[in-house]
Protein backbone atom coordinates (compact mmCIF):
# COMPACT_ATOMS: atom_id res chain seq x y z
CA MET A 1 -34.85 -71.04 14.13
CA ASN A 2 -38.00 -71.73 12.09
CA LYS A 3 -39.34 -69.28 9.49
CA PRO A 4 -42.10 -67.61 11.57
CA ALA A 5 -39.70 -67.13 14.48
CA LEU A 6 -37.07 -65.72 12.11
CA PHE A 7 -39.66 -63.27 10.68
CA VAL A 8 -40.59 -62.08 14.17
CA TYR A 9 -36.89 -61.73 15.06
CA HIS A 10 -36.18 -59.58 11.99
CA ARG A 11 -39.32 -57.50 12.62
CA SER A 12 -38.18 -56.93 16.21
CA ARG A 13 -34.83 -55.70 14.92
CA ALA A 14 -36.58 -53.30 12.55
CA VAL A 15 -38.78 -51.89 15.31
CA LYS A 16 -35.85 -51.43 17.69
CA THR A 17 -33.78 -49.72 14.99
CA SER A 18 -36.69 -47.44 14.11
CA LEU A 19 -37.18 -46.47 17.75
CA LEU A 20 -33.46 -45.77 18.10
CA PHE A 21 -33.49 -43.40 15.13
CA ILE A 22 -36.63 -41.66 16.46
CA PHE A 23 -34.91 -41.20 19.82
CA ILE A 24 -31.80 -39.76 18.13
CA ALA A 25 -33.98 -37.35 16.13
CA LEU A 26 -35.74 -36.19 19.32
CA VAL A 27 -32.37 -35.54 20.95
CA CYS A 28 -31.28 -33.61 17.86
CA VAL A 29 -34.38 -31.41 18.12
CA LEU A 30 -33.10 -30.20 21.51
CA PHE A 31 -29.95 -28.88 19.82
CA SER A 32 -31.63 -27.48 16.71
CA ASP A 33 -32.56 -23.93 15.81
CA ILE A 34 -36.17 -24.33 14.71
CA ALA A 35 -38.06 -21.04 14.75
CA ILE A 36 -40.02 -18.56 12.65
CA THR A 37 -38.12 -15.27 12.73
CA THR A 38 -40.08 -13.09 10.27
CA LEU A 39 -42.52 -10.55 11.72
CA HIS A 40 -45.46 -11.28 9.43
CA PRO A 41 -45.07 -14.83 8.03
CA TRP A 42 -48.78 -15.41 7.45
CA GLN A 43 -49.09 -12.23 5.42
CA GLU A 44 -46.25 -13.30 3.15
CA MET A 45 -47.68 -16.82 2.86
CA LYS A 46 -50.99 -15.29 1.85
CA ARG A 47 -49.24 -13.34 -0.92
CA LEU A 48 -47.47 -16.49 -2.07
CA ALA A 49 -50.73 -18.44 -2.13
CA GLY A 50 -52.31 -15.64 -4.17
CA GLY A 51 -49.47 -15.85 -6.66
CA LEU A 52 -49.80 -19.63 -6.97
CA LEU A 53 -53.52 -19.22 -7.69
CA SER A 54 -52.90 -16.57 -10.36
CA PRO A 55 -49.78 -17.55 -12.34
CA ASP A 56 -48.61 -14.95 -14.85
CA PHE A 57 -47.51 -16.51 -18.15
CA SER A 58 -47.25 -13.18 -19.98
CA ASP A 59 -43.44 -13.25 -20.14
CA VAL A 60 -43.39 -16.18 -22.54
CA ARG A 61 -39.99 -15.33 -23.97
CA ASN A 62 -38.09 -15.50 -20.66
CA ILE A 63 -40.01 -18.62 -19.58
CA ALA A 64 -39.16 -20.39 -22.84
CA HIS A 65 -35.51 -19.32 -22.65
CA ALA A 66 -35.14 -20.53 -19.05
CA LEU A 67 -36.87 -23.80 -19.89
CA MET A 68 -34.65 -24.47 -22.90
CA GLN A 69 -31.49 -23.68 -20.94
CA THR A 70 -32.62 -25.99 -18.12
CA LEU A 71 -33.24 -28.80 -20.58
CA ALA A 72 -29.94 -28.22 -22.38
CA PHE A 73 -27.79 -28.43 -19.24
CA ALA A 74 -29.71 -31.50 -18.05
CA PHE A 75 -29.49 -33.38 -21.37
CA LEU A 76 -25.80 -32.82 -21.89
CA GLY A 77 -24.84 -33.42 -18.25
CA VAL A 78 -26.92 -36.58 -17.86
CA SER A 79 -25.89 -37.98 -21.26
CA ILE A 80 -22.20 -37.59 -20.48
CA GLY A 81 -22.78 -39.01 -17.00
CA ALA A 82 -24.70 -42.01 -18.35
CA VAL A 83 -22.04 -42.84 -20.97
CA PHE A 84 -19.13 -42.62 -18.54
CA GLY A 85 -21.22 -44.36 -15.87
CA PHE A 86 -21.82 -47.28 -18.22
CA VAL A 87 -18.11 -47.62 -18.96
CA LEU A 88 -17.20 -47.39 -15.26
CA ALA A 89 -19.87 -49.96 -14.36
CA LEU A 90 -18.03 -52.56 -16.45
CA VAL A 91 -14.93 -52.19 -14.24
CA PHE A 92 -16.72 -51.23 -11.03
CA ASP A 93 -15.33 -54.27 -9.20
CA TYR A 94 -11.87 -52.72 -9.21
CA ARG A 95 -11.27 -51.08 -5.84
CA LEU A 96 -9.79 -47.91 -7.34
CA VAL A 97 -12.84 -47.40 -9.56
CA HIS A 98 -15.25 -48.19 -6.72
CA MET A 99 -13.58 -45.76 -4.30
CA SER A 100 -13.19 -43.03 -6.92
CA CYS A 101 -16.90 -43.20 -7.73
CA ALA A 102 -17.75 -43.09 -4.02
CA VAL A 103 -15.76 -39.86 -3.66
CA LEU A 104 -17.14 -38.25 -6.82
CA ARG A 105 -20.79 -38.91 -6.02
CA SER A 106 -20.40 -37.81 -2.39
CA VAL A 107 -19.79 -34.20 -3.49
CA HIS A 108 -23.04 -32.40 -4.33
CA GLU A 109 -23.56 -30.96 -7.79
CA LEU A 110 -23.71 -27.41 -6.41
CA PHE A 111 -20.32 -27.84 -4.77
CA TRP A 112 -18.93 -29.04 -8.10
CA ALA A 113 -20.50 -25.99 -9.75
CA LEU A 114 -18.90 -23.66 -7.19
CA ILE A 115 -15.50 -25.22 -7.92
CA PHE A 116 -15.80 -24.88 -11.70
CA LEU A 117 -17.21 -21.39 -11.33
CA GLN A 118 -13.89 -20.18 -9.91
CA PHE A 119 -11.94 -20.80 -13.13
CA PHE A 120 -14.56 -21.33 -15.88
CA GLY A 121 -16.88 -18.55 -14.74
CA LEU A 122 -20.46 -18.69 -16.06
CA HIS A 123 -19.36 -20.91 -18.92
CA PRO A 124 -21.68 -23.74 -20.05
CA LEU A 125 -18.96 -26.19 -18.98
CA THR A 126 -19.57 -25.16 -15.37
CA GLY A 127 -23.13 -26.46 -15.42
CA VAL A 128 -22.55 -29.46 -17.68
CA LEU A 129 -19.58 -30.79 -15.70
CA ALA A 130 -21.28 -30.08 -12.36
CA ILE A 131 -24.00 -32.53 -13.44
CA ALA A 132 -21.89 -34.98 -15.44
CA ILE A 133 -19.18 -35.76 -12.87
CA PRO A 134 -21.33 -36.87 -9.88
CA PHE A 135 -23.95 -38.39 -12.18
CA SER A 136 -21.32 -40.58 -13.89
CA ALA A 137 -20.33 -41.97 -10.47
CA ILE A 138 -23.96 -42.48 -9.44
CA CYS A 139 -24.84 -44.19 -12.73
CA ALA A 140 -21.75 -46.39 -12.47
CA LYS A 141 -22.86 -47.60 -9.05
CA VAL A 142 -26.46 -48.31 -10.04
CA TYR A 143 -25.62 -49.81 -13.44
CA ALA A 144 -23.11 -52.11 -11.73
CA GLU A 145 -25.74 -53.16 -9.20
CA ILE A 146 -28.23 -53.89 -11.99
CA LEU A 147 -25.65 -56.00 -13.82
CA GLU A 148 -24.81 -57.84 -10.61
CA GLU A 149 -28.46 -58.78 -10.03
CA ALA A 150 -29.07 -59.90 -13.62
CA ASP A 151 -29.41 -63.57 -14.50
CA ARG A 152 -26.01 -64.82 -15.66
CA SER A 153 -27.18 -68.20 -16.99
CA PRO A 154 -27.46 -67.05 -20.67
CA TYR A 155 -23.97 -65.55 -20.40
CA ASN A 156 -22.53 -68.74 -18.91
CA ALA A 157 -24.30 -70.88 -21.52
CA LEU A 158 -22.37 -69.34 -24.43
CA PRO A 159 -19.42 -71.31 -25.86
CA SER A 160 -16.17 -70.74 -24.00
CA GLY A 161 -14.48 -69.49 -27.16
CA SER A 162 -16.82 -66.50 -27.47
CA GLY A 163 -15.23 -63.11 -26.96
CA SER A 164 -15.99 -61.36 -23.70
CA VAL A 165 -17.28 -58.27 -25.52
CA SER A 166 -19.63 -60.34 -27.69
CA ARG A 167 -20.81 -62.34 -24.69
CA PHE A 168 -21.61 -59.15 -22.82
CA PHE A 169 -23.55 -57.45 -25.63
CA TYR A 170 -25.47 -60.56 -26.64
CA ALA A 171 -26.14 -62.28 -23.32
CA ARG A 172 -25.99 -59.66 -20.55
CA LEU A 173 -26.89 -56.24 -21.90
CA PRO A 174 -30.28 -57.26 -23.43
CA LEU A 175 -31.42 -58.57 -20.02
CA VAL A 176 -30.73 -55.29 -18.24
CA TRP A 177 -31.35 -52.77 -21.02
CA VAL A 178 -34.89 -51.96 -19.89
CA HIS A 179 -33.67 -51.34 -16.34
CA PHE A 180 -30.87 -49.14 -17.68
CA LYS A 181 -33.37 -47.07 -19.67
CA THR A 182 -35.74 -46.75 -16.73
CA TYR A 183 -33.03 -45.62 -14.35
CA THR A 184 -31.49 -43.23 -16.89
CA GLN A 185 -34.90 -41.61 -17.36
CA TYR A 186 -35.12 -41.17 -13.58
CA ARG A 187 -31.58 -39.71 -13.65
CA LEU A 188 -32.73 -37.20 -16.29
CA GLU A 189 -35.53 -36.14 -13.94
CA CYS A 190 -32.88 -35.61 -11.26
CA GLY A 191 -30.77 -33.73 -13.81
CA LEU A 192 -33.64 -31.37 -14.55
CA ARG A 193 -33.97 -30.60 -10.84
CA THR A 194 -30.22 -30.03 -10.54
CA SER A 195 -30.16 -27.88 -13.68
CA THR A 196 -32.92 -25.74 -12.19
CA VAL A 197 -31.02 -25.24 -8.94
CA LEU A 198 -27.84 -24.28 -10.83
CA GLY A 199 -29.65 -21.06 -11.68
CA PHE A 200 -29.12 -19.94 -8.08
CA ILE A 201 -25.38 -19.59 -8.76
CA GLY A 202 -25.96 -17.50 -11.88
CA LEU A 203 -26.49 -19.92 -14.77
CA PRO A 204 -29.51 -18.92 -16.91
CA THR A 205 -31.82 -21.79 -15.92
CA LEU A 206 -35.22 -21.70 -14.23
CA GLY A 207 -33.63 -21.22 -10.80
CA PHE A 208 -32.05 -17.92 -11.84
CA TYR A 209 -35.41 -16.39 -12.74
CA LEU A 210 -37.14 -17.97 -9.75
CA GLU A 211 -34.64 -16.33 -7.40
CA VAL A 212 -35.15 -12.96 -9.08
CA PHE A 213 -38.94 -13.19 -8.90
CA PHE A 214 -39.01 -14.35 -5.27
CA LYS A 215 -36.63 -11.60 -4.17
CA GLN A 216 -38.88 -9.03 -5.85
CA GLY A 217 -42.07 -10.58 -4.45
CA LEU A 218 -43.35 -11.37 -7.96
CA TYR A 219 -45.08 -14.57 -6.91
CA SER A 220 -47.39 -14.82 -9.94
CA GLN A 221 -44.42 -14.84 -12.31
CA ALA A 222 -42.59 -17.33 -10.06
CA ALA A 223 -45.69 -19.55 -10.04
CA ALA A 224 -45.70 -19.59 -13.85
CA LEU A 225 -42.12 -20.89 -13.86
CA LEU A 226 -42.91 -23.50 -11.20
CA PHE A 227 -45.97 -24.78 -13.05
CA THR A 228 -43.97 -24.94 -16.28
CA PHE A 229 -41.36 -27.06 -14.49
CA TYR A 230 -44.01 -29.38 -13.00
CA ILE A 231 -45.62 -29.89 -16.41
CA LEU A 232 -42.19 -30.65 -17.86
CA ILE A 233 -41.49 -33.33 -15.23
CA ALA A 234 -44.99 -34.83 -15.31
CA SER A 235 -44.94 -35.16 -19.10
CA ILE A 236 -41.45 -36.63 -19.40
CA ARG A 237 -42.76 -40.05 -20.42
CA TRP A 238 -44.45 -38.52 -23.47
CA TRP A 239 -41.73 -36.24 -24.83
CA LEU A 240 -38.70 -38.36 -23.93
CA ARG A 241 -38.41 -40.78 -26.87
CA PRO A 242 -35.23 -42.75 -27.69
CA ARG A 243 -35.35 -41.73 -31.36
CA LEU A 244 -35.37 -38.05 -30.35
CA ILE A 245 -32.38 -38.19 -27.97
CA LEU A 246 -29.85 -37.26 -30.67
CA VAL A 247 -32.06 -34.34 -31.75
CA TYR A 248 -32.26 -33.12 -28.15
CA LEU A 249 -28.48 -33.34 -27.73
CA ILE A 250 -27.78 -31.39 -30.92
CA ALA A 251 -30.34 -28.77 -29.91
CA SER A 252 -28.72 -28.53 -26.45
CA LEU A 253 -25.31 -27.89 -27.99
CA TYR A 254 -26.86 -25.27 -30.29
CA LEU A 255 -28.41 -23.50 -27.30
CA LEU A 256 -25.34 -23.51 -25.06
CA LEU A 257 -22.44 -22.98 -27.47
CA PRO A 258 -23.31 -19.34 -28.34
CA ASP A 259 -23.00 -18.49 -24.61
CA ALA A 260 -19.57 -20.10 -24.38
CA VAL A 261 -16.74 -17.61 -23.98
CA SER A 262 -13.07 -18.41 -24.30
CA ILE A 263 -11.57 -20.14 -21.27
CA ASP A 264 -8.48 -18.65 -19.67
CA TRP A 265 -6.53 -21.83 -19.02
CA SER A 266 -4.04 -19.91 -16.87
CA ASN A 267 -6.85 -19.52 -14.32
CA VAL A 268 -7.40 -23.27 -14.36
CA LYS A 269 -3.69 -23.92 -13.89
CA ARG A 270 -3.42 -21.39 -11.04
CA PHE A 271 -6.47 -22.83 -9.27
CA PHE A 272 -4.99 -26.34 -9.10
CA SER A 273 -1.34 -25.40 -8.66
CA GLU A 274 -1.74 -22.50 -6.20
CA ASP A 275 -5.25 -21.55 -5.05
CA ILE A 276 -6.25 -24.87 -3.48
CA ILE A 277 -2.85 -25.48 -1.86
CA PRO A 278 -3.23 -24.71 1.88
CA TYR A 279 -1.94 -21.23 2.66
CA PRO A 280 0.78 -22.33 5.16
CA VAL A 281 2.21 -24.75 2.60
CA ARG A 282 2.23 -22.10 -0.14
CA MET A 283 4.02 -19.57 2.04
CA ALA A 284 6.43 -21.90 3.87
CA GLU A 285 10.15 -21.71 3.18
CA ASP A 286 10.91 -25.33 4.08
CA SER A 287 9.07 -28.62 4.60
CA TYR A 288 9.25 -28.51 8.41
CA SER A 289 7.63 -25.09 8.69
CA ALA A 290 5.11 -26.16 6.04
CA MET A 291 4.06 -29.18 8.09
CA GLN A 292 3.87 -27.18 11.32
CA GLY A 293 1.88 -24.45 9.68
CA LEU A 294 -0.43 -26.94 7.98
CA LEU A 295 -1.27 -28.71 11.26
CA THR A 296 -2.01 -25.39 12.97
CA TRP A 297 -4.10 -24.27 10.00
CA LEU A 298 -6.11 -27.51 9.93
CA HIS A 299 -6.64 -27.40 13.70
CA GLU A 300 -7.98 -23.86 13.53
CA LEU A 301 -10.18 -24.61 10.50
CA PHE A 302 -11.67 -27.69 12.16
CA TRP A 303 -12.52 -26.09 15.50
CA THR A 304 -13.68 -22.70 14.21
CA GLN A 305 -15.75 -23.89 11.23
CA ALA A 306 -15.79 -27.59 10.35
CA PHE A 307 -16.79 -28.95 13.76
CA ASP A 308 -19.80 -26.66 14.09
CA GLY A 309 -20.78 -27.34 10.48
CA ILE A 310 -20.54 -31.11 10.98
CA ILE A 311 -22.69 -31.07 14.11
CA GLN A 312 -25.35 -28.82 12.58
CA THR A 313 -25.43 -30.85 9.37
CA LEU A 314 -25.80 -34.16 11.22
CA VAL A 315 -28.47 -32.75 13.54
CA LEU A 316 -30.51 -31.48 10.61
CA THR A 317 -29.98 -34.71 8.67
CA GLN A 318 -31.28 -36.96 11.44
CA ILE A 319 -34.36 -34.83 12.04
CA ALA A 320 -35.12 -34.70 8.33
CA LEU A 321 -34.54 -38.46 7.94
CA VAL A 322 -37.10 -39.41 10.58
CA LEU A 323 -39.66 -36.81 9.46
CA SER A 324 -39.26 -37.96 5.84
CA GLY A 325 -40.04 -41.52 6.89
CA MET A 326 -43.10 -40.46 8.89
CA LEU A 327 -44.40 -38.36 6.00
CA ALA A 328 -43.80 -41.22 3.53
CA LEU A 329 -45.99 -43.54 5.62
CA MET A 330 -48.74 -40.94 5.52
CA LEU A 331 -48.43 -40.26 1.79
CA PHE A 332 -48.12 -43.71 0.20
CA PRO A 333 -51.88 -44.53 0.60
CA LEU A 334 -52.62 -41.63 -1.78
CA ILE A 335 -51.40 -43.71 -4.74
CA THR A 336 -52.28 -47.19 -3.48
CA SER A 337 -55.19 -49.12 -4.98
CA HIS A 338 -56.05 -50.62 -1.58
CA PHE A 339 -57.04 -47.14 -0.36
CA GLN A 340 -57.88 -45.13 -3.47
CA GLY A 341 -59.93 -45.53 -6.62
CA TYR A 342 -58.69 -44.66 -10.08
CA VAL A 343 -59.37 -40.93 -9.76
CA GLY A 344 -57.97 -40.78 -6.24
CA GLN A 345 -54.76 -42.48 -7.33
CA LYS A 346 -54.30 -40.04 -10.22
CA LEU A 347 -54.82 -37.05 -7.94
CA GLY A 348 -52.46 -38.53 -5.35
CA HIS A 349 -49.87 -39.22 -8.01
CA GLY A 350 -50.08 -35.63 -9.23
CA PHE A 351 -49.64 -34.33 -5.69
CA LEU A 352 -46.57 -36.49 -5.11
CA VAL A 353 -45.11 -35.47 -8.47
CA ILE A 354 -45.24 -31.83 -7.36
CA LEU A 355 -43.58 -32.56 -4.02
CA ARG A 356 -40.85 -34.88 -5.29
CA SER A 357 -40.14 -32.79 -8.39
CA THR A 358 -39.46 -29.61 -6.43
CA PRO A 359 -35.77 -29.56 -5.41
CA GLU A 360 -35.08 -29.29 -1.68
CA TYR A 361 -32.91 -26.26 -2.36
CA LEU A 362 -35.78 -24.43 -4.03
CA LEU A 363 -38.27 -25.41 -1.31
CA ALA A 364 -35.86 -24.27 1.40
CA TYR A 365 -35.30 -20.98 -0.44
CA ILE A 366 -39.05 -20.33 -0.61
CA PHE A 367 -39.58 -21.18 3.06
CA LEU A 368 -36.66 -18.95 4.06
CA GLN A 369 -38.39 -16.01 2.38
CA LEU A 370 -41.54 -16.79 4.35
CA TRP A 371 -40.20 -17.77 7.78
CA GLY A 372 -36.74 -16.27 8.04
CA PRO A 373 -33.34 -17.91 8.66
CA SER A 374 -33.41 -21.00 10.88
CA MET A 375 -33.36 -24.78 10.49
CA LEU A 376 -37.15 -24.90 10.07
CA PRO A 377 -37.21 -24.12 6.31
CA ALA A 378 -34.53 -26.75 5.68
CA VAL A 379 -36.29 -29.41 7.78
CA ILE A 380 -39.63 -28.89 6.03
CA ALA A 381 -38.03 -28.80 2.58
CA LEU A 382 -36.09 -32.03 3.13
CA MET A 383 -39.11 -33.73 4.68
CA LEU A 384 -41.49 -32.83 1.82
CA HIS A 385 -39.15 -33.79 -1.02
CA ASN A 386 -37.74 -37.02 0.40
CA GLY A 387 -41.01 -38.04 2.04
CA ALA A 388 -42.74 -37.76 -1.34
CA ILE A 389 -40.04 -39.84 -3.09
CA ILE A 390 -40.14 -42.60 -0.47
CA GLY A 391 -43.95 -42.45 -0.35
CA HIS A 392 -44.09 -42.86 -4.12
CA LEU A 393 -41.79 -45.90 -4.01
CA CYS A 394 -43.70 -47.45 -1.09
CA GLY A 395 -47.01 -46.85 -2.86
CA ARG A 396 -45.81 -48.70 -5.94
CA TYR A 397 -44.58 -51.54 -3.75
CA ALA A 398 -47.89 -51.68 -1.83
CA ASN A 399 -49.88 -51.92 -5.07
CA ALA A 400 -48.26 -55.30 -5.75
CA ILE A 401 -49.48 -56.76 -2.42
CA VAL A 402 -52.27 -59.34 -2.69
CA LEU A 403 -54.54 -59.21 0.35
CA PRO A 404 -56.61 -62.11 1.72
CA ASN A 405 -60.36 -62.24 1.18
CA ASN A 406 -62.41 -59.80 3.26
CA PRO A 407 -59.44 -57.69 4.45
CA ALA A 408 -59.73 -55.06 7.13
CA LYS A 409 -60.82 -51.54 6.19
CA GLY A 410 -59.60 -48.04 6.85
CA LEU A 411 -57.09 -47.56 9.66
CA ASN A 412 -56.99 -51.28 10.47
CA LEU A 413 -56.10 -52.07 6.86
CA PHE A 414 -53.33 -49.45 6.98
CA ALA A 415 -51.86 -50.37 10.38
CA TRP A 416 -52.30 -54.15 10.47
CA GLU A 417 -52.28 -55.31 6.85
CA ILE A 418 -50.33 -52.94 4.59
CA VAL A 419 -47.68 -51.25 6.75
CA PRO A 420 -46.32 -54.51 8.28
CA ARG A 421 -45.95 -55.94 4.77
CA ILE A 422 -44.13 -52.96 3.28
CA TYR A 423 -42.17 -51.91 6.36
CA PRO A 424 -38.92 -53.76 5.51
CA GLN A 425 -38.93 -52.28 2.02
CA PHE A 426 -39.85 -48.88 3.48
CA LEU A 427 -36.77 -49.01 5.73
CA ALA A 428 -34.62 -50.04 2.76
CA PHE A 429 -35.82 -46.99 0.80
CA LEU A 430 -35.36 -44.71 3.83
CA PHE A 431 -31.83 -45.81 4.64
CA TYR A 432 -30.93 -45.67 0.96
CA ARG A 433 -31.95 -41.97 1.00
CA TRP A 434 -29.91 -41.28 4.14
CA GLU A 435 -26.70 -40.27 2.37
CA ILE A 436 -28.70 -38.25 -0.17
CA ILE A 437 -30.42 -36.32 2.62
CA PHE A 438 -27.01 -35.57 4.14
CA ARG A 439 -25.70 -34.26 0.80
CA GLU A 440 -28.73 -32.02 0.40
CA THR A 441 -28.51 -30.84 4.01
CA ALA A 442 -24.89 -29.81 3.50
CA ILE A 443 -25.59 -27.64 0.44
CA LEU A 444 -28.58 -25.91 2.09
CA GLY A 445 -25.93 -23.99 4.03
CA MET A 446 -25.45 -21.91 0.88
CA LEU A 447 -28.81 -20.33 1.74
CA GLY A 448 -27.51 -19.13 5.09
CA ILE A 449 -28.34 -22.13 7.28
CA TYR A 450 -25.37 -23.10 9.45
CA THR A 451 -24.49 -26.42 7.84
CA LEU A 452 -21.20 -27.29 6.15
CA GLY A 453 -22.36 -25.61 2.97
CA PHE A 454 -22.50 -22.26 4.77
CA TYR A 455 -18.79 -22.41 5.53
CA VAL A 456 -17.96 -23.72 2.05
CA ASP A 457 -19.85 -20.86 0.42
CA SER A 458 -18.25 -18.32 2.77
CA ALA A 459 -14.78 -19.64 1.92
CA PHE A 460 -15.44 -19.24 -1.81
CA GLU A 461 -16.77 -15.71 -1.27
CA GLU A 462 -13.65 -14.82 0.70
CA ILE A 463 -11.48 -16.33 -2.10
CA ARG A 464 -10.09 -18.88 0.36
CA PHE A 465 -10.28 -21.78 -2.03
CA ASP A 466 -7.97 -23.93 0.07
CA ARG A 467 -10.41 -23.81 2.98
CA ALA A 468 -13.37 -24.52 0.70
CA ILE A 469 -11.75 -27.65 -0.76
CA VAL A 470 -10.90 -29.02 2.70
CA LEU A 471 -14.48 -28.43 3.91
CA ILE A 472 -15.87 -30.12 0.79
CA ALA A 473 -13.53 -33.06 1.40
CA ILE A 474 -14.82 -33.34 4.98
CA THR A 475 -18.38 -33.35 3.65
CA ALA A 476 -17.49 -36.10 1.18
CA LEU A 477 -15.83 -38.27 3.83
CA ILE A 478 -18.83 -38.03 6.16
CA ASN A 479 -21.15 -38.84 3.27
CA ILE A 480 -19.11 -41.95 2.44
CA GLY A 481 -19.27 -42.94 6.12
CA ILE A 482 -23.05 -42.55 6.20
CA ASP A 483 -23.38 -44.66 3.05
CA SER A 484 -21.24 -47.39 4.63
CA LEU A 485 -23.22 -47.27 7.88
CA SER A 486 -26.48 -47.41 5.94
CA ARG A 487 -25.35 -50.57 4.16
CA ARG A 488 -24.37 -52.16 7.46
CA ILE A 489 -27.76 -51.36 8.98
CA ARG A 490 -29.57 -52.77 5.94
CA ARG A 491 -27.54 -55.97 6.21
CA TYR A 492 -28.22 -56.13 9.96
CA LEU A 493 -31.96 -55.81 9.32
CA ARG A 494 -31.79 -58.33 6.45
CA LEU A 495 -33.09 -55.65 4.10
CA LYS A 496 -32.43 -55.51 0.41
CA THR A 497 -28.96 -53.98 0.20
CA VAL A 498 -29.37 -52.85 -3.41
CA VAL A 499 -32.29 -50.47 -3.95
CA GLN A 500 -33.02 -49.17 -7.44
CA CYS A 501 -34.93 -45.94 -6.84
CA SER A 502 -36.33 -45.66 -10.35
């Protein structure tokens, strides 16, 4: 098959796969609960808009405290995650390490926080470990992929008698160090978003104050916190300097250690030795009755909670995935030189920074206050956040495209010149985000939407930790399955299997 024919064949596969996913999303809409249930949504939206236009920065002390706490949790969590991720990346080829990282990163940071909250309470360790554990697994995966793609010729050219450690630090690490720094900076941005959301479970970060202000209808004060967060994210390239990292870490420890109370290690021991052991096993008198009781217990848990949560989570994920892709195709021209001038690109970049910097959890929480409980707030939140991230990546990719002389203009340029050229990379970005969208969809259940997170949160509230752990494990297994399916689809479409979303 010659090259043009092969290109057309691969493009046909991409179109057919895209149409299949659109069809699945349309079917999912038929089974979704998308509605506005509040009596006066427009009135509340008007109040919110008024607050956004008149932010109240008068409470400087609380804003500064929330900002410092958010930074402290993010710095410590991401730093620990990056260090352990680097170490794990060096042995990532081992199956045990690879599978362990897949499991750890498949559990959302909020689920980790809920677990640690049960025995650490509102201790700084709850927030730091909730970020550090999944981030170490994520960093291990990406660092390993970066090392795998690096040129190995300098490493192979060294004398055979050189030590493996010396060979690595002299011939491999310098080639990938810039990519490591770039991705770690992106991971810190993710850590800041996660640290903000941790406030919704009680930790004193920006999310804690945002929840309080939104519940009280104090939209001007909430707007001040949001704008502070956006400025923090947008300015990260100026205040994040390698020589200041140690200073930031010491300051983070200084901020968090005074809030640390003594840990009751008996609670930790009881949680792992008793609380998470399935109830029938704990209460059984012999192994036979334990097995019988466990099977009955699992059967009941699956059909009364897990099955409904799985279906609702998958339905919401597929709708959000397709809508995120459609929004990304509409947004990427905002930052592309082929469509915008210098000023237009800067404005577009600022707009996308706001959308992609706002965590889905926070967006869904805001929309729930405006529109009431249904899937609609979750769908819009996931679409806006992920669509902006994919649009940003596609826009950067499109800027590198060199067009022929006298190219088409306007809609023809978009539809016939740019989109066909970036579409394979667009699909790679979209399918790479698939498992992330599922993880975020699952935890949105903690806001009252009937996804798996709803049942996990309910189990923790009812002090049924055994049920919560099983439901989290189900979520992790499905997430691993989606990641595996995504890789298969990318290979089938001849897309780039490794995508560094930095």
